[in-house]
C-alpha atoms as a PDB file:
ATOM      1  CA  MET A   1      69.449 113.606 191.453  1.00  0.00           C
ATOM      2  CA  HIS A   2      72.002 113.391 194.265  1.00  0.00           C
ATOM      3  CA  ASP A   3      71.542 114.837 197.684  1.00  0.00           C
ATOM      4  CA  ASN A   4      74.452 117.109 198.386  1.00  0.00           C
ATOM      5  CA  PRO A   5      75.236 116.901 202.058  1.00  0.00           C
ATOM      6  CA  SER A   6      75.831 120.291 203.566  1.00  0.00           C
ATOM      7  CA  PRO A   7      79.238 120.906 205.093  1.00  0.00           C
ATOM      8  CA  PRO A   8      79.457 120.295 208.818  1.00  0.00           C
ATOM      9  CA  GLU A   9      78.549 123.378 210.746  1.00  0.00           C
ATOM     10  CA  ALA A  10      81.005 124.924 213.124  1.00  0.00           C
ATOM     11  CA  MET A  11      80.375 124.576 216.819  1.00  0.00           C
ATOM     12  CA  THR A  12      78.655 127.514 218.436  1.00  0.00           C
ATOM     13  CA  TYR A  13      79.683 128.683 221.883  1.00  0.00           C
ATOM     14  CA  ARG A  14      77.807 130.627 224.539  1.00  0.00           C
ATOM     15  CA  GLU A  15      79.292 133.790 225.982  1.00  0.00           C
ATOM     16  CA  GLY A  16      81.571 132.952 228.882  1.00  0.00           C
ATOM     17  CA  THR A  17      82.597 129.536 227.546  1.00  0.00           C
ATOM     18  CA  TYR A  18      86.291 128.691 227.823  1.00  0.00           C
ATOM     19  CA  VAL A  19      87.768 127.629 224.489  1.00  0.00           C
ATOM     20  CA  ILE A  20      91.164 127.028 222.931  1.00  0.00           C
ATOM     21  CA  ASP A  21      92.178 128.979 219.849  1.00  0.00           C
ATOM     22  CA  THR A  22      93.732 126.062 217.955  1.00  0.00           C
ATOM     23  CA  ARG A  23      95.804 128.405 215.798  1.00  0.00           C
ATOM     24  CA  SER A  24      97.831 129.626 218.771  1.00  0.00           C
ATOM     25  CA  GLY A  25      96.968 127.184 221.558  1.00  0.00           C
ATOM     26  CA  ARG A  26      95.761 130.060 223.779  1.00  0.00           C
ATOM     27  CA  MET A  27      92.886 129.588 226.184  1.00  0.00           C
ATOM     28  CA  ALA A  28      90.241 132.277 225.912  1.00  0.00           C
ATOM     29  CA  GLN A  29      86.733 133.119 226.963  1.00  0.00           C
ATOM     30  CA  VAL A  30      83.988 133.716 224.408  1.00  0.00           C
ATOM     31  CA  MET A  31      82.850 137.344 224.604  1.00  0.00           C
ATOM     32  CA  GLY A  32      80.335 137.290 221.749  1.00  0.00           C
ATOM     33  CA  THR A  33      80.035 137.048 218.002  1.00  0.00           C
ATOM     34  CA  VAL A  34      80.227 139.459 215.100  1.00  0.00           C
ATOM     35  CA  GLY A  35      78.703 137.944 212.020  1.00  0.00           C
ATOM     36  CA  PRO A  36      80.354 134.559 211.469  1.00  0.00           C
ATOM     37  CA  ARG A  37      83.325 135.308 213.757  1.00  0.00           C
ATOM     38  CA  VAL A  38      83.717 134.647 217.481  1.00  0.00           C
ATOM     39  CA  GLN A  39      85.163 137.331 219.756  1.00  0.00           C
ATOM     40  CA  LEU A  40      87.616 136.042 222.369  1.00  0.00           C
ATOM     41  CA  ARG A  41      89.523 137.449 225.335  1.00  0.00           C
ATOM     42  CA  ARG A  42      92.120 135.891 227.625  1.00  0.00           C
ATOM     43  CA  PRO A  43      90.597 134.937 230.996  1.00  0.00           C
ATOM     44  CA  GLY A  44      92.663 137.649 232.673  1.00  0.00           C
ATOM     45  CA  GLY A  45      91.333 140.328 230.360  1.00  0.00           C
ATOM     46  CA  GLY A  46      93.133 142.239 227.683  1.00  0.00           C
ATOM     47  CA  ARG A  47      92.577 142.859 224.038  1.00  0.00           C
ATOM     48  CA  GLU A  48      89.898 140.857 222.251  1.00  0.00           C
ATOM     49  CA  TRP A  49      90.526 139.049 219.003  1.00  0.00           C
ATOM     50  CA  GLU A  50      88.268 137.327 216.506  1.00  0.00           C
ATOM     51  CA  VAL A  51      88.427 133.890 214.943  1.00  0.00           C
ATOM     52  CA  THR A  52      86.214 131.662 212.871  1.00  0.00           C
ATOM     53  CA  PRO A  53      84.402 129.024 214.935  1.00  0.00           C
ATOM     54  CA  VAL A  54      86.245 126.204 213.152  1.00  0.00           C
ATOM     55  CA  ALA A  55      89.506 127.438 214.742  1.00  0.00           C
ATOM     56  CA  LEU A  56      88.119 126.774 218.232  1.00  0.00           C
ATOM     57  CA  ARG A  57      87.622 123.817 220.505  1.00  0.00           C
ATOM     58  CA  LEU A  58      86.235 123.587 224.010  1.00  0.00           C
ATOM     59  CA  ALA A  59      88.833 123.866 226.752  1.00  0.00           C
ATOM     60  CA  THR A  60      89.258 120.622 228.671  1.00  0.00           C
ATOM     61  CA  ARG A  61      88.520 120.339 232.373  1.00  0.00           C
ATOM     62  CA  GLU A  62      92.254 120.297 233.060  1.00  0.00           C
ATOM     63  CA  GLU A  63      92.805 123.433 230.995  1.00  0.00           C
ATOM     64  CA  ARG A  64      89.945 125.220 232.777  1.00  0.00           C
ATOM     65  CA  ALA A  65      91.191 124.090 236.206  1.00  0.00           C
ATOM     66  CA  VAL A  66      94.022 126.594 236.011  1.00  0.00           C
ATOM     67  CA  VAL A  67      91.380 129.290 236.248  1.00  0.00           C
ATOM     68  CA  SER A  68      88.488 127.580 238.023  1.00  0.00           C
ATOM     69  CA  GLY A  69      90.385 125.486 240.589  1.00  0.00           C
ATOM     70  CA  CYS A  70      92.175 128.362 242.268  1.00  0.00           C
ATOM     71  CA  ALA A  71      90.847 129.292 245.731  1.00  0.00           C
ATOM     72  CA  GLU A  72      91.672 132.947 245.163  1.00  0.00           C
ATOM     73  CA  CYS A  73      89.808 132.888 241.828  1.00  0.00           C
ATOM     74  CA  VAL A  74      86.772 131.437 243.605  1.00  0.00           C
ATOM     75  CA  ALA A  75      86.875 134.104 246.339  1.00  0.00           C
ATOM     76  CA  LEU A  76      87.372 136.951 243.872  1.00  0.00           C
ATOM     77  CA  ARG A  77      84.530 135.730 241.655  1.00  0.00           C
ATOM     78  CA  ALA A  78      82.222 135.403 244.673  1.00  0.00           C
ATOM     79  CA  ALA A  79      83.017 139.008 245.606  1.00  0.00           C
ATOM     80  CA  GLN A  80      82.384 140.031 242.006  1.00  0.00           C
ATOM     81  CA  ARG A  81      78.970 138.298 241.937  1.00  0.00           C
ATOM     82  CA  GLN A  82      78.025 139.916 245.248  1.00  0.00           C
ATOM     83  CA  ALA A  83      79.005 143.379 243.995  1.00  0.00           C
ATOM     84  CA  VAL A  84      76.999 142.904 240.802  1.00  0.00           C
ATOM     85  CA  ASP A  85      73.979 141.531 242.697  1.00  0.00           C
ATOM     86  CA  GLU A  86      74.010 144.443 245.122  1.00  0.00           C
ATOM     87  CA  GLY A  87      73.988 146.875 242.218  1.00  0.00           C
ATOM     88  CA  GLY A  88      77.027 148.933 243.143  1.00  0.00           C
ATOM     89  CA  THR A  89      78.554 149.899 239.812  1.00  0.00           C
ATOM     90  CA  GLN A  90      81.881 151.073 241.203  1.00  0.00           C
ATOM     91  CA  GLN A  91      82.191 147.983 243.423  1.00  0.00           C
ATOM     92  CA  ALA A  92      81.329 145.713 240.504  1.00  0.00           C
ATOM     93  CA  VAL A  93      83.964 147.374 238.309  1.00  0.00           C
ATOM     94  CA  GLU A  94      86.598 147.092 241.049  1.00  0.00           C
ATOM     95  CA  ALA A  95      85.730 143.430 241.686  1.00  0.00           C
ATOM     96  CA  THR A  96      85.875 142.613 237.970  1.00  0.00           C
ATOM     97  CA  THR A  97      89.224 144.369 237.701  1.00  0.00           C
ATOM     98  CA  ALA A  98      90.537 142.349 240.666  1.00  0.00           C
ATOM     99  CA  VAL A  99      89.475 139.071 239.019  1.00  0.00           C
ATOM    100  CA  ARG A 100      91.118 139.968 235.721  1.00  0.00           C
ATOM    101  CA  ARG A 101      94.305 141.219 237.373  1.00  0.00           C
ATOM    102  CA  HIS A 102      94.627 138.016 239.403  1.00  0.00           C
ATOM    103  CA  VAL A 103      94.098 135.745 236.389  1.00  0.00           C
ATOM    104  CA  ARG A 104      96.543 137.736 234.277  1.00  0.00           C
ATOM    105  CA  GLU A 105      99.234 137.843 236.961  1.00  0.00           C
ATOM    106  CA  VAL A 106      98.855 134.301 238.329  1.00  0.00           C
ATOM    107  CA  HIS A 107      97.433 132.139 235.532  1.00  0.00           C
ATOM    108  CA  ALA A 108      98.541 133.721 232.230  1.00  0.00           C
END
């Protein structure tokens, strides 16, 4: 009797992880999963799309630097964290919108 090796499993990604959709080359952030598919959204926001995990790879440090190395991104995200921590729903929504608008307009 032969042992049949199981096929390699696809990588799993935590919510918030930056990945590259290898089908299109687009950088995206993992938003969640639905069954076997991964839900993605551009870092600046917008419409989500779904892919199988095998169509993804982790974004490199250089690819993430476009989003994470920007001083304005850092300041906007700090303001977003503060608004969320302080519990102000409207302020948190406005701060999140500001982050997404900046990323879409500057980094997309």
